[in-house]
Amino acid sequence: MDTIYDLIIIGGGPGGIGSAVEAKVLGLEKVLMIEKTDNHSHTIRKFYKDKKRVDKDWQGQTVELEGNVAFVDGTKESTLDYFDKLLDDEVIDTRFNCAVEKVYKEDGLFHVTSGCGVDKARNIIVSIGRMGKPNKPSYKIPGSLRTKVNFNLDKCGNGENILVVGGGDTAVEYACELSETNEVTLNYRRDSLTRPNPTNQEMISNYDEDEALRLKLGVDIESLESESGQIKVNFTDGAELFDRIIYAIGGTTPSDFLKCCLITLDDAGEPIFDKNYETETSGMYVAGDIVFNSGGSIAIALNHGHRIVTHILNKER
């Protein structure tokens, strides 16, 4: 007979891992976690710079962990190592390199269609990130500049004149890290940086005071041009040349995929869910980054998993 899972988790980030661990500890017997890439925590691996600080209390929010995942402050590497250990006992059934295509419900069971076939489950948690599809600027990026425009730090070298665009934690951390080996300007369209957490606000203030980088606030970008092998950035107050641009302006909800998973969206394209993170389709839940409107917290995503699994078990009693 085909296996009928108590829970299938779509997405192998912190919210998905937390949900899987809670399911294992709290007593859901048959659990499957499906991840489309070749390893867990793809967003952390791709968008976090090596040795990047990872805080439990994100953006100054003190988060009390509610479940069974003992997450603490650390670095990109220590966080990945910890998640490795949570999955290494192989009690949790995981599938990597397996992209989910759609979910439908028939005879009270969810059918999850993926590159690995069709799996059935009584409950589903969709815990996917936004950063897999980073936001892009409204103005055109000329084709000749695409190798010089990035949305993470993968291709950054040393000794470059770099423009970082964005006003959140990621933009601030990118700018400060890059300034150690590059000439860096941080541009944000508003007059002040209010979004970063208190630690990052203090850090960027110190870097600015020490002239380790330059802040260009309250100025927007109108367009980009190629000029003599560099990027000509046309700001509202004039043009400047840079070797590279890093955009750190968030990510968008993958609306089409959510619709294929029976998740109803509001007018802004965000998933509709209740206090238990259950969507309008009974037994279908959302967790992690897609629950947040702007950026997410690992600790809060872990709490999502605990609350959802607890709710599933209470419904079954």
Protein backbone atom coordinates (compact mmCIF):
# COMPACT_ATOMS: atom_id res chain seq x y z
CA MET A 1 0.00 0.00 0.00
CA ASP A 2 1.09 3.58 -0.62
CA THR A 3 2.46 5.37 2.42
CA ILE A 4 0.09 7.98 3.82
CA TYR A 5 2.11 10.52 5.76
CA ASP A 6 0.77 12.27 8.82
CA LEU A 7 2.62 15.37 7.63
CA ILE A 8 4.52 16.47 4.54
CA ILE A 9 6.69 19.57 4.90
CA ILE A 10 7.51 21.50 1.74
CA GLY A 11 10.73 23.43 2.24
CA GLY A 12 13.95 22.61 4.05
CA GLY A 13 14.72 25.92 5.73
CA PRO A 14 14.54 26.70 9.46
CA GLY A 15 10.73 26.63 9.49
CA GLY A 16 10.67 23.27 7.74
CA ILE A 17 13.42 21.77 9.88
CA GLY A 18 11.76 23.06 13.05
CA SER A 19 8.45 21.55 11.98
CA ALA A 20 10.10 18.21 11.24
CA VAL A 21 11.86 18.11 14.61
CA GLU A 22 8.68 19.03 16.48
CA ALA A 23 6.74 16.36 14.61
CA LYS A 24 9.36 13.76 15.56
CA VAL A 25 9.50 14.79 19.23
CA LEU A 26 5.78 15.33 19.77
CA GLY A 27 4.71 12.06 18.21
CA LEU A 28 3.64 12.36 14.59
CA GLU A 29 4.81 9.02 13.23
CA LYS A 30 5.09 9.45 9.46
CA VAL A 31 6.71 12.70 8.38
CA LEU A 32 8.36 13.67 5.09
CA MET A 33 10.34 16.85 4.37
CA ILE A 34 10.78 17.78 0.69
CA GLU A 35 13.37 20.35 -0.48
CA LYS A 36 13.89 21.39 -4.10
CA THR A 37 17.63 22.11 -3.74
CA ASP A 38 20.46 19.73 -2.88
CA ASN A 39 20.61 20.58 0.82
CA HIS A 40 18.67 22.18 3.65
CA SER A 41 18.72 25.93 4.47
CA HIS A 42 19.29 27.10 0.89
CA THR A 43 18.65 30.77 1.68
CA ILE A 44 21.26 30.79 4.45
CA ARG A 45 23.78 29.02 2.25
CA LYS A 46 23.27 31.28 -0.76
CA PHE A 47 22.51 34.71 0.66
CA TYR A 48 24.52 34.76 3.90
CA LYS A 49 28.17 35.75 3.67
CA ASP A 50 30.65 33.35 5.30
CA LYS A 51 30.93 33.95 9.06
CA LYS A 52 27.85 36.20 9.00
CA ARG A 53 26.37 36.66 12.46
CA VAL A 54 23.04 34.88 12.98
CA ASP A 55 21.04 36.14 15.97
CA LYS A 56 18.23 34.39 17.81
CA ASP A 57 16.69 37.75 18.71
CA TRP A 58 16.33 39.27 15.25
CA GLN A 59 15.71 43.02 14.73
CA GLY A 60 15.76 43.55 18.48
CA GLN A 61 12.87 41.16 19.12
CA THR A 62 13.40 38.97 22.15
CA VAL A 63 12.09 35.56 21.14
CA GLU A 64 11.34 32.83 23.66
CA LEU A 65 11.68 29.47 21.96
CA GLU A 66 8.56 27.41 22.59
CA GLY A 67 9.54 24.03 21.24
CA ASN A 68 12.31 21.46 21.17
CA VAL A 69 14.90 23.19 18.99
CA ALA A 70 17.60 24.84 21.13
CA PHE A 71 18.64 27.53 18.66
CA VAL A 72 21.19 30.09 19.90
CA ASP A 73 23.19 33.02 18.52
CA GLY A 74 25.99 32.01 16.23
CA THR A 75 27.33 32.31 12.72
CA LYS A 76 26.24 31.05 9.32
CA GLU A 77 28.52 28.03 9.78
CA SER A 78 27.46 27.13 13.34
CA THR A 79 23.78 27.48 12.40
CA LEU A 80 24.17 25.12 9.44
CA ASP A 81 26.14 22.68 11.60
CA TYR A 82 23.35 22.67 14.19
CA PHE A 83 20.67 22.01 11.58
CA ASP A 84 22.86 19.23 10.16
CA LYS A 85 22.87 17.54 13.57
CA LEU A 86 19.09 17.80 13.85
CA LEU A 87 18.70 15.91 10.56
CA ASP A 88 21.66 13.53 10.77
CA ASP A 89 19.96 10.85 12.87
CA GLU A 90 17.87 10.09 9.75
CA VAL A 91 14.70 9.64 11.81
CA ILE A 92 13.21 12.41 9.70
CA ASP A 93 12.53 11.26 6.14
CA THR A 94 14.00 13.88 3.82
CA ARG A 95 14.17 14.25 0.05
CA PHE A 96 16.49 16.73 -1.61
CA ASN A 97 16.59 17.77 -5.28
CA CYS A 98 12.86 17.21 -5.35
CA ALA A 99 10.77 20.15 -6.58
CA VAL A 100 7.08 20.16 -5.70
CA GLU A 101 4.88 21.10 -8.64
CA LYS A 102 1.40 21.21 -7.12
CA VAL A 103 -0.80 19.94 -4.30
CA TYR A 104 -4.40 18.81 -4.64
CA LYS A 105 -6.86 17.29 -2.19
CA GLU A 106 -8.90 14.18 -2.89
CA ASP A 107 -10.89 11.95 -0.54
CA GLY A 108 -9.66 13.92 2.46
CA LEU A 109 -5.97 13.46 1.61
CA PHE A 110 -3.45 15.85 0.13
CA HIS A 111 -1.63 14.61 -2.97
CA VAL A 112 1.78 16.23 -3.39
CA THR A 113 3.03 16.03 -6.97
CA SER A 114 6.77 16.48 -7.43
CA GLY A 115 9.70 15.33 -9.52
CA CYS A 116 9.84 12.34 -7.16
CA GLY A 117 6.27 11.20 -7.85
CA VAL A 118 3.06 11.63 -5.88
CA ASP A 119 2.93 11.41 -2.08
CA LYS A 120 -0.14 11.48 0.13
CA ALA A 121 -0.56 13.19 3.48
CA ARG A 122 -3.17 14.19 6.01
CA ASN A 123 -1.51 17.55 6.66
CA ILE A 124 0.86 19.85 4.78
CA ILE A 125 3.17 22.64 5.93
CA VAL A 126 4.50 24.96 3.24
CA SER A 127 7.64 26.62 4.62
CA ILE A 128 9.45 28.25 1.73
CA GLY A 129 11.50 31.43 1.64
CA ARG A 130 11.09 34.68 -0.21
CA MET A 131 14.78 35.25 -0.93
CA GLY A 132 14.87 32.49 -3.52
CA LYS A 133 13.30 35.15 -5.74
CA PRO A 134 14.92 38.44 -4.67
CA ASN A 135 13.21 41.75 -5.35
CA LYS A 136 14.61 43.64 -8.30
CA PRO A 137 14.54 47.39 -8.93
CA SER A 138 11.76 48.91 -11.01
CA TYR A 139 14.22 50.43 -13.50
CA LYS A 140 15.91 48.34 -16.19
CA ILE A 141 19.27 46.69 -15.60
CA PRO A 142 21.16 46.87 -18.95
CA GLY A 143 22.30 43.50 -20.23
CA SER A 144 25.93 44.69 -20.42
CA LEU A 145 25.92 45.26 -16.65
CA ARG A 146 24.39 42.01 -15.45
CA THR A 147 27.72 40.47 -14.43
CA LYS A 148 28.35 43.56 -12.28
CA VAL A 149 24.95 43.56 -10.58
CA ASN A 150 24.33 41.09 -7.78
CA PHE A 151 21.68 40.17 -5.21
CA ASN A 152 24.11 38.44 -2.84
CA LEU A 153 27.87 38.43 -2.19
CA ASP A 154 28.82 35.45 -4.36
CA LYS A 155 30.88 37.31 -6.96
CA CYS A 156 32.27 40.17 -4.91
CA GLY A 157 36.02 40.65 -5.03
CA ASN A 158 38.40 42.93 -3.15
CA GLY A 159 39.39 46.45 -4.03
CA GLU A 160 36.13 47.31 -5.80
CA ASN A 161 34.07 50.47 -5.52
CA ILE A 162 30.73 48.94 -4.50
CA LEU A 163 27.25 50.40 -4.11
CA VAL A 164 24.95 48.51 -1.72
CA VAL A 165 21.26 49.34 -2.17
CA GLY A 166 18.77 48.71 0.63
CA GLY A 167 17.72 49.79 4.09
CA GLY A 168 17.37 46.59 6.10
CA ASP A 169 19.62 44.33 8.14
CA THR A 170 21.01 42.48 5.13
CA ALA A 171 22.01 45.72 3.37
CA VAL A 172 23.74 47.04 6.49
CA GLU A 173 25.59 43.77 7.11
CA TYR A 174 26.66 43.52 3.47
CA ALA A 175 27.96 47.10 3.50
CA CYS A 176 29.93 46.71 6.72
CA GLU A 177 31.44 43.37 5.70
CA LEU A 178 32.41 44.58 2.23
CA SER A 179 33.95 47.77 3.60
CA GLU A 180 36.78 45.73 5.14
CA THR A 181 38.27 45.18 1.67
CA ASN A 182 36.38 47.58 -0.61
CA GLU A 183 35.24 51.16 -0.98
CA VAL A 184 31.54 50.98 -0.11
CA THR A 185 28.55 53.30 -0.39
CA LEU A 186 25.21 52.33 1.17
CA ASN A 187 22.23 53.89 -0.59
CA TYR A 188 18.68 53.96 0.79
CA ARG A 189 15.82 56.00 -0.57
CA ARG A 190 14.69 57.22 2.87
CA ASP A 191 16.46 59.80 5.02
CA SER A 192 17.31 57.39 7.86
CA LEU A 193 17.87 53.70 8.53
CA THR A 194 15.04 52.62 10.83
CA ARG A 195 14.57 48.99 9.77
CA PRO A 196 17.81 47.35 10.99
CA ASN A 197 17.93 45.84 14.47
CA PRO A 198 19.59 47.91 17.24
CA THR A 199 22.91 46.04 16.94
CA ASN A 200 23.14 46.75 13.22
CA GLN A 201 22.04 50.35 13.67
CA GLU A 202 24.88 50.89 16.14
CA MET A 203 27.31 49.11 13.82
CA ILE A 204 26.46 51.18 10.75
CA SER A 205 26.62 54.37 12.81
CA ASN A 206 30.10 53.46 14.01
CA TYR A 207 31.28 52.59 10.50
CA ASP A 208 29.91 55.90 9.25
CA GLU A 209 31.58 57.90 12.03
CA ASP A 210 34.89 56.15 11.37
CA GLU A 211 34.47 56.87 7.63
CA ALA A 212 34.84 53.15 6.92
CA LEU A 213 31.99 53.51 4.43
CA ARG A 214 29.75 56.22 3.01
CA LEU A 215 26.01 56.62 3.59
CA LYS A 216 23.92 58.06 0.77
CA LEU A 217 20.46 58.39 2.28
CA GLY A 218 17.31 60.10 1.10
CA VAL A 219 18.36 59.66 -2.53
CA ASP A 220 16.74 57.35 -5.08
CA ILE A 221 18.16 55.74 -8.22
CA GLU A 222 16.56 56.67 -11.54
CA SER A 223 18.53 54.46 -13.96
CA LEU A 224 21.75 52.58 -14.70
CA GLU A 225 24.10 52.93 -17.66
CA SER A 226 27.35 51.33 -18.76
CA GLU A 227 30.31 53.70 -18.99
CA SER A 228 33.92 52.68 -19.68
CA GLY A 229 33.50 49.28 -18.04
CA GLN A 230 31.81 50.69 -14.94
CA ILE A 231 28.25 51.22 -13.79
CA LYS A 232 26.99 54.76 -14.12
CA VAL A 233 24.31 55.19 -11.48
CA ASN A 234 21.95 58.07 -12.14
CA PHE A 235 20.74 59.22 -8.74
CA THR A 236 18.11 61.90 -8.24
CA ASP A 237 20.96 64.21 -7.17
CA GLY A 238 23.42 63.35 -9.96
CA ALA A 239 25.47 60.50 -11.44
CA GLU A 240 28.30 58.42 -9.92
CA LEU A 241 30.44 55.52 -11.15
CA PHE A 242 30.78 52.16 -9.37
CA ASP A 243 32.43 48.83 -10.14
CA ARG A 244 29.58 46.76 -8.72
CA ILE A 245 26.07 47.06 -7.28
CA ILE A 246 24.62 44.75 -4.62
CA TYR A 247 20.84 44.93 -4.22
CA ALA A 248 19.58 43.87 -0.79
CA ILE A 249 15.94 44.87 -1.10
CA GLY A 250 14.17 41.73 0.05
CA GLY A 251 12.27 39.05 -1.79
CA THR A 252 8.79 38.39 -3.11
CA THR A 253 6.22 35.81 -2.14
CA PRO A 254 6.10 33.03 -4.76
CA SER A 255 2.40 33.59 -5.41
CA ASP A 256 1.96 31.16 -8.30
CA PHE A 257 3.45 28.30 -6.30
CA LEU A 258 1.26 29.04 -3.28
CA LYS A 259 -1.83 28.98 -5.47
CA CYS A 260 -0.74 25.57 -6.78
CA CYS A 261 -0.69 24.41 -3.15
CA LEU A 262 -4.36 25.32 -2.52
CA ILE A 263 -3.38 28.41 -0.53
CA THR A 264 -5.69 31.40 -0.87
CA LEU A 265 -3.98 34.78 -1.21
CA ASP A 266 -5.16 38.25 -0.26
CA ASP A 267 -5.19 41.26 -2.58
CA ALA A 268 -1.49 41.88 -1.88
CA GLY A 269 -0.56 38.33 -2.87
CA GLU A 270 0.08 37.21 0.71
CA PRO A 271 -1.22 33.88 2.08
CA ILE A 272 -4.36 33.97 4.22
CA PHE A 273 -4.07 32.01 7.48
CA ASP A 274 -5.44 31.96 11.03
CA LYS A 275 -3.75 32.18 14.43
CA ASN A 276 -2.61 28.55 14.09
CA TYR A 277 -1.06 29.29 10.66
CA GLU A 278 -3.73 27.12 9.02
CA THR A 279 -4.88 28.39 5.64
CA GLU A 280 -8.43 28.39 4.30
CA THR A 281 -7.78 24.80 3.18
CA SER A 282 -8.13 22.64 6.28
CA GLY A 283 -4.91 20.80 7.07
CA MET A 284 -2.77 23.13 4.93
CA TYR A 285 -0.40 25.36 6.95
CA VAL A 286 2.23 28.00 6.24
CA ALA A 287 5.39 28.68 8.24
CA GLY A 288 8.64 30.60 8.07
CA ASP A 289 9.45 33.51 5.79
CA ILE A 290 6.20 33.50 3.82
CA VAL A 291 4.32 34.29 7.03
CA PHE A 292 6.29 37.55 7.41
CA ASN A 293 5.59 40.61 5.30
CA SER A 294 9.21 41.81 5.37
CA GLY A 295 11.98 39.47 6.32
CA GLY A 296 11.88 36.68 8.83
CA SER A 297 13.30 35.45 12.10
CA ILE A 298 14.76 31.96 12.44
CA ALA A 299 13.59 31.70 16.04
CA ILE A 300 10.04 32.75 15.17
CA ALA A 301 10.00 30.31 12.23
CA LEU A 302 10.98 27.53 14.66
CA ASN A 303 8.09 28.54 16.90
CA HIS A 304 5.76 28.31 13.90
CA GLY A 305 6.67 24.65 13.57
CA HIS A 306 5.99 23.94 17.23
CA ARG A 307 2.60 25.67 17.17
CA ILE A 308 1.49 24.01 13.95
CA VAL A 309 2.43 20.48 15.01
CA THR A 310 0.76 21.05 18.41
CA HIS A 311 -2.39 22.20 16.61
CA ILE A 312 -2.36 19.13 14.33
CA LEU A 313 -2.06 16.79 17.30
CA ASN A 314 -4.81 18.58 19.23
CA LYS A 315 -7.15 18.27 16.24
CA GLU A 316 -6.54 14.54 16.06
CA ARG A 317 -7.30 13.91 19.73
